Amino acid sequence: MKKITLNVNGRRRTANVEDNEILLDVLRDTLGVKSVKAACWRGECGLCSVLMYGKAVKSCLILAVEADGAKITTVEGLSRGESLSPLQKSFVEHGAMQCGFCTPAFVLTAHSLLTTNPTATDSEIKEYMSGLICRCGTYNQMLPAIKEAAKHYRKHASDDL
């Protein structure tokens, strides 16, 4: 067992992990972060995606010991207390989810894209999101939701200049 420390949504968390334990299992089972979904455990569906240092990663492909000291953001970390982020609000307003199982991964991945490329084209958005699978097929609602939220990211990016 090895003791690791993670910064999860701005909060320092520690866990004792096995050398072969994956980040997905530590987040869900040890730290109780249930928005990180366990589905394929092979990196094929992307539903376990989290942000690691701001970049979307599949937590089933990362050993927990490799993430020691990392800044991890889950979908809860995007909201401001009880207020949803503009991206989360846009997903709700556009009906970009049905069962909601995949929604956290899609929101986090879209956030990762829009943070680095707030002017992403339709084809860039589709390409960036292509590593995620939605069983309900709400892809058509996701594109307009992401494009609408991109306005906020563009405004925020221009405020930083």
C-alpha atoms as a PDB file:
ATOM      1  CA  MET A   1       0.000   0.000   0.000  1.00  0.00           C
ATOM      2  CA  LYS A   2       1.126   3.521  -0.757  1.00  0.00           C
ATOM      3  CA  LYS A   3      -0.371   6.730   0.591  1.00  0.00           C
ATOM      4  CA  ILE A   4      -1.221   9.247  -2.142  1.00  0.00           C
ATOM      5  CA  THR A   5      -2.580  12.771  -2.019  1.00  0.00           C
ATOM      6  CA  LEU A   6      -4.963  14.205  -4.598  1.00  0.00           C
ATOM      7  CA  ASN A   7      -6.436  17.680  -4.899  1.00  0.00           C
ATOM      8  CA  VAL A   8     -10.030  16.800  -5.834  1.00  0.00           C
ATOM      9  CA  ASN A   9     -12.205  19.806  -6.673  1.00  0.00           C
ATOM     10  CA  GLY A  10      -9.963  22.061  -4.609  1.00  0.00           C
ATOM     11  CA  ARG A  11      -9.957  19.797  -1.576  1.00  0.00           C
ATOM     12  CA  ARG A  12      -6.921  17.840  -0.426  1.00  0.00           C
ATOM     13  CA  ARG A  13      -7.739  14.128  -0.181  1.00  0.00           C
ATOM     14  CA  THR A  14      -5.514  11.220   0.807  1.00  0.00           C
ATOM     15  CA  ALA A  15      -5.899   7.511   0.149  1.00  0.00           C
ATOM     16  CA  ASN A  16      -3.954   4.328   0.705  1.00  0.00           C
ATOM     17  CA  VAL A  17      -3.757   2.520  -2.621  1.00  0.00           C
ATOM     18  CA  GLU A  18      -2.351  -0.648  -4.113  1.00  0.00           C
ATOM     19  CA  ASP A  19       0.333  -0.279  -6.812  1.00  0.00           C
ATOM     20  CA  ASN A  20      -2.071  -1.565  -9.487  1.00  0.00           C
ATOM     21  CA  GLU A  21      -5.186   0.356  -8.362  1.00  0.00           C
ATOM     22  CA  ILE A  22      -6.653   2.704 -10.966  1.00  0.00           C
ATOM     23  CA  LEU A  23      -7.641   6.310 -10.375  1.00  0.00           C
ATOM     24  CA  LEU A  24     -11.261   5.527 -11.307  1.00  0.00           C
ATOM     25  CA  ASP A  25     -11.629   3.058  -8.448  1.00  0.00           C
ATOM     26  CA  VAL A  26      -9.939   5.348  -5.924  1.00  0.00           C
ATOM     27  CA  LEU A  27     -12.192   8.268  -6.864  1.00  0.00           C
ATOM     28  CA  ARG A  28     -15.408   6.200  -6.738  1.00  0.00           C
ATOM     29  CA  ASP A  29     -14.782   3.588  -4.084  1.00  0.00           C
ATOM     30  CA  THR A  30     -12.306   5.195  -1.709  1.00  0.00           C
ATOM     31  CA  LEU A  31     -13.178   8.883  -2.017  1.00  0.00           C
ATOM     32  CA  GLY A  32     -16.881   8.464  -2.829  1.00  0.00           C
ATOM     33  CA  VAL A  33     -16.975  10.596  -6.003  1.00  0.00           C
ATOM     34  CA  LYS A  34     -19.841   8.833  -7.764  1.00  0.00           C
ATOM     35  CA  SER A  35     -20.099  11.228 -10.739  1.00  0.00           C
ATOM     36  CA  VAL A  36     -17.034   9.505 -12.179  1.00  0.00           C
ATOM     37  CA  LYS A  37     -18.666   6.587 -13.956  1.00  0.00           C
ATOM     38  CA  ALA A  38     -17.344   3.063 -14.226  1.00  0.00           C
ATOM     39  CA  ALA A  39     -18.368   1.463 -17.502  1.00  0.00           C
ATOM     40  CA  CYS A  40     -15.780  -0.316 -19.667  1.00  0.00           C
ATOM     41  CA  TRP A  41     -12.555  -0.172 -17.593  1.00  0.00           C
ATOM     42  CA  ARG A  42     -10.619  -0.198 -20.922  1.00  0.00           C
ATOM     43  CA  GLY A  43     -10.619   3.437 -22.056  1.00  0.00           C
ATOM     44  CA  GLU A  44     -13.087   2.771 -24.855  1.00  0.00           C
ATOM     45  CA  CYS A  45     -16.170   4.669 -23.671  1.00  0.00           C
ATOM     46  CA  GLY A  46     -14.611   7.649 -21.875  1.00  0.00           C
ATOM     47  CA  LEU A  47     -17.347   7.783 -19.242  1.00  0.00           C
ATOM     48  CA  CYS A  48     -14.776   7.796 -16.444  1.00  0.00           C
ATOM     49  CA  SER A  49     -13.249  11.041 -17.725  1.00  0.00           C
ATOM     50  CA  VAL A  50     -12.044  13.621 -15.223  1.00  0.00           C
ATOM     51  CA  LEU A  51      -9.869  16.682 -15.588  1.00  0.00           C
ATOM     52  CA  MET A  52      -6.292  16.169 -14.483  1.00  0.00           C
ATOM     53  CA  TYR A  53      -4.482  19.494 -14.381  1.00  0.00           C
ATOM     54  CA  GLY A  54      -7.309  20.821 -16.582  1.00  0.00           C
ATOM     55  CA  LYS A  55      -7.014  18.204 -19.323  1.00  0.00           C
ATOM     56  CA  ALA A  56      -9.648  15.512 -19.879  1.00  0.00           C
ATOM     57  CA  VAL A  57      -8.256  12.050 -19.119  1.00  0.00           C
ATOM     58  CA  LYS A  58      -9.812   8.598 -18.802  1.00  0.00           C
ATOM     59  CA  SER A  59      -9.373   7.693 -15.147  1.00  0.00           C
ATOM     60  CA  CYS A  60      -9.567   3.949 -15.866  1.00  0.00           C
ATOM     61  CA  LEU A  61      -6.267   4.203 -17.768  1.00  0.00           C
ATOM     62  CA  ILE A  62      -4.320   5.973 -14.997  1.00  0.00           C
ATOM     63  CA  LEU A  63      -2.833   4.236 -12.008  1.00  0.00           C
ATOM     64  CA  ALA A  64      -3.680   6.029  -8.784  1.00  0.00           C
ATOM     65  CA  VAL A  65       0.019   6.199  -7.862  1.00  0.00           C
ATOM     66  CA  GLU A  66       0.648   8.051 -11.144  1.00  0.00           C
ATOM     67  CA  ALA A  67      -1.867  10.690 -10.065  1.00  0.00           C
ATOM     68  CA  ASP A  68      -0.226  11.296  -6.684  1.00  0.00           C
ATOM     69  CA  GLY A  69      -0.186  15.056  -6.108  1.00  0.00           C
ATOM     70  CA  ALA A  70      -2.437  15.770  -9.108  1.00  0.00           C
ATOM     71  CA  LYS A  71      -5.166  18.376  -9.367  1.00  0.00           C
ATOM     72  CA  ILE A  72      -8.327  16.449 -10.273  1.00  0.00           C
ATOM     73  CA  THR A  73     -11.615  18.092 -11.228  1.00  0.00           C
ATOM     74  CA  THR A  74     -14.867  16.193 -11.465  1.00  0.00           C
ATOM     75  CA  VAL A  75     -18.156  17.632 -12.720  1.00  0.00           C
ATOM     76  CA  GLU A  76     -18.942  18.848  -9.194  1.00  0.00           C
ATOM     77  CA  GLY A  77     -15.837  21.024  -9.376  1.00  0.00           C
ATOM     78  CA  LEU A  78     -17.237  23.051 -12.296  1.00  0.00           C
ATOM     79  CA  SER A  79     -20.215  24.395 -10.363  1.00  0.00           C
ATOM     80  CA  ARG A  80     -20.023  27.362  -8.009  1.00  0.00           C
ATOM     81  CA  GLY A  81     -21.612  26.035  -4.840  1.00  0.00           C
ATOM     82  CA  GLU A  82     -25.239  25.354  -5.733  1.00  0.00           C
ATOM     83  CA  SER A  83     -24.992  27.250  -9.055  1.00  0.00           C
ATOM     84  CA  LEU A  84     -24.296  25.292 -12.210  1.00  0.00           C
ATOM     85  CA  SER A  85     -21.533  26.470 -14.520  1.00  0.00           C
ATOM     86  CA  PRO A  86     -22.583  28.025 -17.853  1.00  0.00           C
ATOM     87  CA  LEU A  87     -21.660  24.766 -19.607  1.00  0.00           C
ATOM     88  CA  GLN A  88     -23.736  22.668 -17.203  1.00  0.00           C
ATOM     89  CA  LYS A  89     -26.666  25.079 -17.615  1.00  0.00           C
ATOM     90  CA  SER A  90     -26.362  24.856 -21.384  1.00  0.00           C
ATOM     91  CA  PHE A  91     -26.507  21.049 -21.265  1.00  0.00           C
ATOM     92  CA  VAL A  92     -29.722  21.294 -19.222  1.00  0.00           C
ATOM     93  CA  GLU A  93     -31.268  23.988 -21.441  1.00  0.00           C
ATOM     94  CA  HIS A  94     -30.531  22.029 -24.636  1.00  0.00           C
ATOM     95  CA  GLY A  95     -31.663  18.677 -23.231  1.00  0.00           C
ATOM     96  CA  ALA A  96     -28.208  17.295 -23.897  1.00  0.00           C
ATOM     97  CA  MET A  97     -28.738  14.261 -21.712  1.00  0.00           C
ATOM     98  CA  GLN A  98     -31.315  11.582 -21.237  1.00  0.00           C
ATOM     99  CA  CYS A  99     -30.364   9.065 -18.586  1.00  0.00           C
ATOM    100  CA  GLY A 100     -27.490  11.314 -17.470  1.00  0.00           C
ATOM    101  CA  PHE A 101     -24.979   8.493 -17.021  1.00  0.00           C
ATOM    102  CA  CYS A 102     -22.509   9.946 -19.553  1.00  0.00           C
ATOM    103  CA  THR A 103     -23.229  13.614 -18.865  1.00  0.00           C
ATOM    104  CA  PRO A 104     -20.380  14.255 -16.379  1.00  0.00           C
ATOM    105  CA  ALA A 105     -17.780  12.965 -18.856  1.00  0.00           C
ATOM    106  CA  PHE A 106     -19.202  14.979 -21.757  1.00  0.00           C
ATOM    107  CA  VAL A 107     -19.386  18.169 -19.677  1.00  0.00           C
ATOM    108  CA  LEU A 108     -15.816  17.792 -18.410  1.00  0.00           C
ATOM    109  CA  THR A 109     -14.444  16.981 -21.866  1.00  0.00           C
ATOM    110  CA  ALA A 110     -16.285  19.941 -23.406  1.00  0.00           C
ATOM    111  CA  HIS A 111     -14.907  22.164 -20.643  1.00  0.00           C
ATOM    112  CA  SER A 112     -11.386  20.953 -21.402  1.00  0.00           C
ATOM    113  CA  LEU A 113     -11.876  21.771 -25.095  1.00  0.00           C
ATOM    114  CA  LEU A 114     -13.477  25.186 -24.592  1.00  0.00           C
ATOM    115  CA  THR A 115     -10.861  26.234 -22.062  1.00  0.00           C
ATOM    116  CA  THR A 116      -8.136  25.755 -24.667  1.00  0.00           C
ATOM    117  CA  ASN A 117     -10.171  26.493 -27.812  1.00  0.00           C
ATOM    118  CA  PRO A 118     -13.270  28.630 -27.144  1.00  0.00           C
ATOM    119  CA  THR A 119     -13.713  29.205 -30.894  1.00  0.00           C
ATOM    120  CA  ALA A 120     -13.826  25.497 -31.774  1.00  0.00           C
ATOM    121  CA  THR A 121     -15.678  24.697 -34.994  1.00  0.00           C
ATOM    122  CA  ASP A 122     -18.386  22.047 -35.234  1.00  0.00           C
ATOM    123  CA  SER A 123     -15.907  19.561 -36.660  1.00  0.00           C
ATOM    124  CA  GLU A 124     -13.339  20.328 -33.929  1.00  0.00           C
ATOM    125  CA  ILE A 125     -15.970  19.817 -31.244  1.00  0.00           C
ATOM    126  CA  LYS A 126     -17.098  16.527 -32.783  1.00  0.00           C
ATOM    127  CA  GLU A 127     -13.515  15.297 -33.094  1.00  0.00           C
ATOM    128  CA  TYR A 128     -12.610  16.262 -29.509  1.00  0.00           C
ATOM    129  CA  MET A 129     -15.733  14.592 -28.118  1.00  0.00           C
ATOM    130  CA  SER A 130     -15.397  11.478 -30.306  1.00  0.00           C
ATOM    131  CA  GLY A 131     -13.739   9.423 -27.564  1.00  0.00           C
ATOM    132  CA  LEU A 132     -16.945   9.384 -25.514  1.00  0.00           C
ATOM    133  CA  ILE A 133     -19.976   7.157 -25.949  1.00  0.00           C
ATOM    134  CA  CYS A 134     -23.560   8.120 -25.061  1.00  0.00           C
ATOM    135  CA  ARG A 135     -25.857   5.096 -24.949  1.00  0.00           C
ATOM    136  CA  CYS A 136     -28.969   7.288 -25.307  1.00  0.00           C
ATOM    137  CA  GLY A 137     -27.652   9.045 -28.422  1.00  0.00           C
ATOM    138  CA  THR A 138     -28.099  12.686 -27.384  1.00  0.00           C
ATOM    139  CA  TYR A 139     -25.196  13.767 -29.574  1.00  0.00           C
ATOM    140  CA  ASN A 140     -27.406  16.094 -31.625  1.00  0.00           C
ATOM    141  CA  GLN A 141     -28.333  18.095 -28.520  1.00  0.00           C
ATOM    142  CA  MET A 142     -24.758  18.217 -27.219  1.00  0.00           C
ATOM    143  CA  LEU A 143     -23.298  20.142 -30.133  1.00  0.00           C
ATOM    144  CA  PRO A 144     -25.643  23.156 -29.753  1.00  0.00           C
ATOM    145  CA  ALA A 145     -25.172  23.035 -25.963  1.00  0.00           C
ATOM    146  CA  ILE A 146     -21.392  23.183 -26.313  1.00  0.00           C
ATOM    147  CA  LYS A 147     -21.567  25.908 -28.970  1.00  0.00           C
ATOM    148  CA  GLU A 148     -23.860  28.026 -26.758  1.00  0.00           C
ATOM    149  CA  ALA A 149     -21.551  27.606 -23.754  1.00  0.00           C
ATOM    150  CA  ALA A 150     -18.551  28.525 -25.932  1.00  0.00           C
ATOM    151  CA  LYS A 151     -19.825  32.123 -25.890  1.00  0.00           C
ATOM    152  CA  HIS A 152     -19.102  32.256 -22.164  1.00  0.00           C
ATOM    153  CA  TYR A 153     -15.621  30.797 -22.651  1.00  0.00           C
ATOM    154  CA  ARG A 154     -14.858  33.311 -25.437  1.00  0.00           C
ATOM    155  CA  LYS A 155     -16.030  36.192 -23.228  1.00  0.00           C
ATOM    156  CA  HIS A 156     -13.960  34.886 -20.331  1.00  0.00           C
ATOM    157  CA  ALA A 157     -10.901  34.469 -22.578  1.00  0.00           C
ATOM    158  CA  SER A 158     -11.223  38.056 -23.850  1.00  0.00           C
ATOM    159  CA  ASP A 159     -11.563  39.303 -20.244  1.00  0.00           C
ATOM    160  CA  ASP A 160      -8.176  37.750 -19.489  1.00  0.00           C
ATOM    161  CA  LEU A 161      -6.425  39.748 -22.221  1.00  0.00           C
END
